[in-house]
PDB file of N, CA and C in Angstrom:
ATOM      1  N   MET A   1     -23.481   5.588  10.090  1.00  0.00           N
ATOM      2  CA  MET A   1     -22.688   4.963   8.780  1.00  0.00           C
ATOM      3  C   MET A   1     -22.139   4.036   9.192  1.00  0.00           C
ATOM      4  N   LEU A   2     -21.204   3.886  10.419  1.00  0.00           N
ATOM      5  CA  LEU A   2     -20.626   2.250  10.762  1.00  0.00           C
ATOM      6  C   LEU A   2     -21.198   1.202  11.036  1.00  0.00           C
ATOM      7  N   ASP A   3     -22.317   1.569  11.757  1.00  0.00           N
ATOM      8  CA  ASP A   3     -23.561   0.593  12.221  1.00  0.00           C
ATOM      9  C   ASP A   3     -23.972  -0.096  11.382  1.00  0.00           C
ATOM     10  N   VAL A   4     -24.121   0.529   9.886  1.00  0.00           N
ATOM     11  CA  VAL A   4     -24.647   0.141   8.239  1.00  0.00           C
ATOM     12  C   VAL A   4     -24.036  -1.024   7.656  1.00  0.00           C
ATOM     13  N   LEU A   5     -22.773  -0.267   7.841  1.00  0.00           N
ATOM     14  CA  LEU A   5     -21.713  -1.290   7.396  1.00  0.00           C
ATOM     15  C   LEU A   5     -21.504  -2.525   8.357  1.00  0.00           C
ATOM     16  N   ASP A   6     -21.970  -2.350   9.357  1.00  0.00           N
ATOM     17  CA  ASP A   6     -21.121  -3.854  10.338  1.00  0.00           C
ATOM     18  C   ASP A   6     -22.568  -4.771  10.206  1.00  0.00           C
ATOM     19  N   SER A   7     -23.847  -4.246  10.023  1.00  0.00           N
ATOM     20  CA  SER A   7     -24.900  -4.792   9.691  1.00  0.00           C
ATOM     21  C   SER A   7     -24.919  -6.043   8.647  1.00  0.00           C
ATOM     22  N   LEU A   8     -24.593  -5.200   7.206  1.00  0.00           N
ATOM     23  CA  LEU A   8     -24.046  -5.198   5.993  1.00  0.00           C
ATOM     24  C   LEU A   8     -22.928  -6.481   5.936  1.00  0.00           C
ATOM     25  N   ARG A   9     -22.231  -6.338   7.139  1.00  0.00           N
ATOM     26  CA  ARG A   9     -20.905  -7.688   7.299  1.00  0.00           C
ATOM     27  C   ARG A   9     -21.027  -8.665   7.908  1.00  0.00           C
ATOM     28  N   GLU A  10     -22.576  -8.770   9.096  1.00  0.00           N
ATOM     29  CA  GLU A  10     -22.854  -9.656   9.297  1.00  0.00           C
ATOM     30  C   GLU A  10     -23.641 -10.553   8.796  1.00  0.00           C
ATOM     31  N   ARG A  11     -24.119 -10.396   7.774  1.00  0.00           N
ATOM     32  CA  ARG A  11     -25.128 -10.908   6.993  1.00  0.00           C
ATOM     33  C   ARG A  11     -24.672 -11.125   5.346  1.00  0.00           C
ATOM     34  N   ASP A  12     -22.709 -11.002   5.644  1.00  0.00           N
ATOM     35  CA  ASP A  12     -22.266 -11.390   4.926  1.00  0.00           C
ATOM     36  C   ASP A  12     -22.598 -11.052   3.311  1.00  0.00           C
ATOM     37  N   ARG A  13     -21.967  -9.293   3.995  1.00  0.00           N
ATOM     38  CA  ARG A  13     -22.221  -8.415   2.506  1.00  0.00           C
ATOM     39  C   ARG A  13     -20.848  -8.254   2.190  1.00  0.00           C
ATOM     40  N   ALA A  14     -20.880  -7.708   1.127  1.00  0.00           N
ATOM     41  CA  ALA A  14     -18.790  -6.873   0.789  1.00  0.00           C
ATOM     42  C   ALA A  14     -19.566  -5.838   0.235  1.00  0.00           C
ATOM     43  N   VAL A  15     -19.098  -4.485   1.032  1.00  0.00           N
ATOM     44  CA  VAL A  15     -19.038  -3.498   1.099  1.00  0.00           C
ATOM     45  C   VAL A  15     -16.962  -2.732   0.797  1.00  0.00           C
ATOM     46  N   GLY A  16     -17.017  -2.456  -0.111  1.00  0.00           N
ATOM     47  CA  GLY A  16     -16.768  -1.333  -0.573  1.00  0.00           C
ATOM     48  C   GLY A  16     -16.301   0.354  -0.506  1.00  0.00           C
ATOM     49  N   ILE A  17     -15.671   0.613   0.303  1.00  0.00           N
ATOM     50  CA  ILE A  17     -15.207   2.201   0.849  1.00  0.00           C
ATOM     51  C   ILE A  17     -14.172   2.951   0.668  1.00  0.00           C
ATOM     52  N   VAL A  18     -14.240   3.846  -0.515  1.00  0.00           N
ATOM     53  CA  VAL A  18     -13.249   4.758  -0.197  1.00  0.00           C
ATOM     54  C   VAL A  18     -13.060   5.773   0.435  1.00  0.00           C
ATOM     55  N   SER A  19     -11.913   5.904   0.816  1.00  0.00           N
ATOM     56  CA  SER A  19     -12.173   6.926   2.604  1.00  0.00           C
ATOM     57  C   SER A  19     -10.479   7.640   3.023  1.00  0.00           C
ATOM     58  N   HIS A  20     -10.579   8.550   3.158  1.00  0.00           N
ATOM     59  CA  HIS A  20      -9.079   9.447   3.741  1.00  0.00           C
ATOM     60  C   HIS A  20      -9.463   9.500   5.119  1.00  0.00           C
ATOM     61  N   VAL A  21     -10.843   9.466   5.848  1.00  0.00           N
ATOM     62  CA  VAL A  21     -10.869   9.488   7.078  1.00  0.00           C
ATOM     63  C   VAL A  21     -10.356   8.589   8.244  1.00  0.00           C
ATOM     64  N   ALA A  22     -10.324   9.018   8.991  1.00  0.00           N
ATOM     65  CA  ALA A  22      -9.084   8.149   9.516  1.00  0.00           C
ATOM     66  C   ALA A  22      -9.903   7.220  10.654  1.00  0.00           C
ATOM     67  N   ASP A  23     -11.140   7.775  11.247  1.00  0.00           N
ATOM     68  CA  ASP A  23     -11.514   6.645  11.884  1.00  0.00           C
ATOM     69  C   ASP A  23     -12.762   5.832  10.971  1.00  0.00           C
ATOM     70  N   LEU A  24     -12.602   6.051   9.751  1.00  0.00           N
ATOM     71  CA  LEU A  24     -12.849   4.916   9.359  1.00  0.00           C
ATOM     72  C   LEU A  24     -11.842   3.620   8.906  1.00  0.00           C
ATOM     73  N   ARG A  25     -10.847   3.932   8.540  1.00  0.00           N
ATOM     74  CA  ARG A  25      -9.616   3.163   8.567  1.00  0.00           C
ATOM     75  C   ARG A  25      -9.416   2.169  10.349  1.00  0.00           C
ATOM     76  N   ARG A  26      -9.571   3.103  11.146  1.00  0.00           N
ATOM     77  CA  ARG A  26      -9.512   1.984  11.702  1.00  0.00           C
ATOM     78  C   ARG A  26     -10.641   1.253  12.457  1.00  0.00           C
ATOM     79  N   ARG A  27     -11.715   1.238  11.761  1.00  0.00           N
ATOM     80  CA  ARG A  27     -12.799   0.718  12.464  1.00  0.00           C
ATOM     81  C   ARG A  27     -12.752  -0.377  11.170  1.00  0.00           C
ATOM     82  N   ILE A  28     -12.334  -0.230  10.068  1.00  0.00           N
ATOM     83  CA  ILE A  28     -12.421  -1.199   8.832  1.00  0.00           C
ATOM     84  C   ILE A  28     -11.254  -2.411   8.839  1.00  0.00           C
ATOM     85  N   PRO A  29     -11.404  -3.744   9.126  1.00  0.00           N
ATOM     86  CA  PRO A  29     -10.680  -4.343   9.440  1.00  0.00           C
ATOM     87  C   PRO A  29      -9.511  -4.873   8.540  1.00  0.00           C
ATOM     88  N   ALA A  30     -10.148  -4.971   7.184  1.00  0.00           N
ATOM     89  CA  ALA A  30      -9.435  -5.298   5.832  1.00  0.00           C
ATOM     90  C   ALA A  30      -9.493  -4.209   5.239  1.00  0.00           C
ATOM     91  N   GLN A  31      -8.377  -3.849   5.029  1.00  0.00           N
ATOM     92  CA  GLN A  31      -7.625  -2.465   3.663  1.00  0.00           C
ATOM     93  C   GLN A  31      -7.078  -2.533   2.852  1.00  0.00           C
ATOM     94  N   LEU A  32      -7.128  -1.784   1.341  1.00  0.00           N
ATOM     95  CA  LEU A  32      -6.489  -2.255   0.368  1.00  0.00           C
ATOM     96  C   LEU A  32      -5.810  -0.866   0.301  1.00  0.00           C
ATOM     97  N   GLU A  33      -4.417  -0.429   0.138  1.00  0.00           N
ATOM     98  CA  GLU A  33      -4.143   1.490   0.595  1.00  0.00           C
ATOM     99  C   GLU A  33      -3.588   1.268  -1.086  1.00  0.00           C
ATOM    100  N   VAL A  34      -3.860   1.995  -1.892  1.00  0.00           N
ATOM    101  CA  VAL A  34      -3.438   2.081  -3.396  1.00  0.00           C
ATOM    102  C   VAL A  34      -2.685   3.545  -3.020  1.00  0.00           C
ATOM    103  N   THR A  35      -1.743   3.662  -3.439  1.00  0.00           N
ATOM    104  CA  THR A  35      -0.231   4.476  -3.584  1.00  0.00           C
ATOM    105  C   THR A  35      -0.166   4.759  -4.387  1.00  0.00           C
ATOM    106  N   LYS A  36       0.119   6.107  -5.374  1.00  0.00           N
ATOM    107  CA  LYS A  36       0.426   6.603  -6.627  1.00  0.00           C
ATOM    108  C   LYS A  36       1.952   7.137  -6.524  1.00  0.00           C
ATOM    109  N   ASP A  37       2.603   6.351  -7.546  1.00  0.00           N
ATOM    110  CA  ASP A  37       3.999   7.036  -7.988  1.00  0.00           C
ATOM    111  C   ASP A  37       4.513   7.384  -9.546  1.00  0.00           C
ATOM    112  N   ARG A  38       5.453   7.916  -9.580  1.00  0.00           N
ATOM    113  CA  ARG A  38       5.615   8.242 -11.164  1.00  0.00           C
ATOM    114  C   ARG A  38       5.530   7.615 -11.840  1.00  0.00           C
ATOM    115  N   THR A  39       5.677   5.652 -11.586  1.00  0.00           N
ATOM    116  CA  THR A  39       5.534   4.675 -12.587  1.00  0.00           C
ATOM    117  C   THR A  39       4.599   3.771 -12.684  1.00  0.00           C
ATOM    118  N   GLY A  40       3.088   4.741 -11.843  1.00  0.00           N
ATOM    119  CA  GLY A  40       1.803   3.763 -11.625  1.00  0.00           C
ATOM    120  C   GLY A  40       1.812   3.920 -10.400  1.00  0.00           C
ATOM    121  N   SER A  41       0.831   2.796 -10.289  1.00  0.00           N
ATOM    122  CA  SER A  41       0.202   2.454  -8.684  1.00  0.00           C
ATOM    123  C   SER A  41       1.102   1.282  -7.833  1.00  0.00           C
ATOM    124  N   THR A  42       1.088   1.360  -6.785  1.00  0.00           N
ATOM    125  CA  THR A  42       0.812  -0.436  -6.746  1.00  0.00           C
ATOM    126  C   THR A  42      -0.386  -0.053  -4.866  1.00  0.00           C
ATOM    127  N   ILE A  43      -0.342  -1.451  -4.838  1.00  0.00           N
ATOM    128  CA  ILE A  43      -1.874  -1.822  -3.785  1.00  0.00           C
ATOM    129  C   ILE A  43      -1.158  -2.585  -2.929  1.00  0.00           C
ATOM    130  N   ARG A  44      -1.733  -2.480  -1.302  1.00  0.00           N
ATOM    131  CA  ARG A  44      -0.798  -3.328  -0.641  1.00  0.00           C
ATOM    132  C   ARG A  44      -2.137  -3.511   0.410  1.00  0.00           C
ATOM    133  N   HIS A  45      -2.383  -5.006   0.660  1.00  0.00           N
ATOM    134  CA  HIS A  45      -3.641  -5.274   1.699  1.00  0.00           C
ATOM    135  C   HIS A  45      -2.996  -4.933   3.477  1.00  0.00           C
ATOM    136  N   ARG A  46      -3.856  -4.606   3.805  1.00  0.00           N
ATOM    137  CA  ARG A  46      -3.849  -3.758   5.591  1.00  0.00           C
ATOM    138  C   ARG A  46      -4.767  -4.795   6.066  1.00  0.00           C
ATOM    139  N   ALA A  47      -3.961  -5.405   7.165  1.00  0.00           N
ATOM    140  CA  ALA A  47      -4.793  -5.819   8.001  1.00  0.00           C
ATOM    141  C   ALA A  47      -5.430  -5.074   9.110  1.00  0.00           C
ATOM    142  N   HIS A  48      -6.163  -4.832   9.855  1.00  0.00           N
ATOM    143  CA  HIS A  48      -6.618  -4.261  11.508  1.00  0.00           C
ATOM    144  C   HIS A  48      -5.054  -4.299  12.174  1.00  0.00           C
ATOM    145  N   GLY A  49      -4.994  -3.456  12.532  1.00  0.00           N
ATOM    146  CA  GLY A  49      -3.970  -3.011  13.439  1.00  0.00           C
ATOM    147  C   GLY A  49      -2.832  -3.332  12.484  1.00  0.00           C
ATOM    148  N   THR A  50      -2.129  -3.608  11.534  1.00  0.00           N
ATOM    149  CA  THR A  50      -1.382  -3.020  11.473  1.00  0.00           C
ATOM    150  C   THR A  50      -0.448  -2.017  10.627  1.00  0.00           C
ATOM    151  N   ALA A  51       0.930  -2.005  10.415  1.00  0.00           N
ATOM    152  CA  ALA A  51       0.951  -0.814  10.041  1.00  0.00           C
ATOM    153  C   ALA A  51       1.710  -0.860   8.285  1.00  0.00           C
ATOM    154  N   GLY A  52       1.695  -2.722   7.741  1.00  0.00           N
ATOM    155  CA  GLY A  52       2.012  -1.890   6.438  1.00  0.00           C
ATOM    156  C   GLY A  52       2.352  -3.378   6.188  1.00  0.00           C
TER     157      GLY A  52
END
């Protein structure tokens, strides 16, 4: 599956994935992390290799 995603990205295609799989989180460079709490949800952009 990751090879297919890499191929699409090389052809300037945008792909969105919802995953809790740690390997995918490590391999995908640009991420949006959504966190739910009592007052609603927050979203955070994470670049590859950053903690937050």
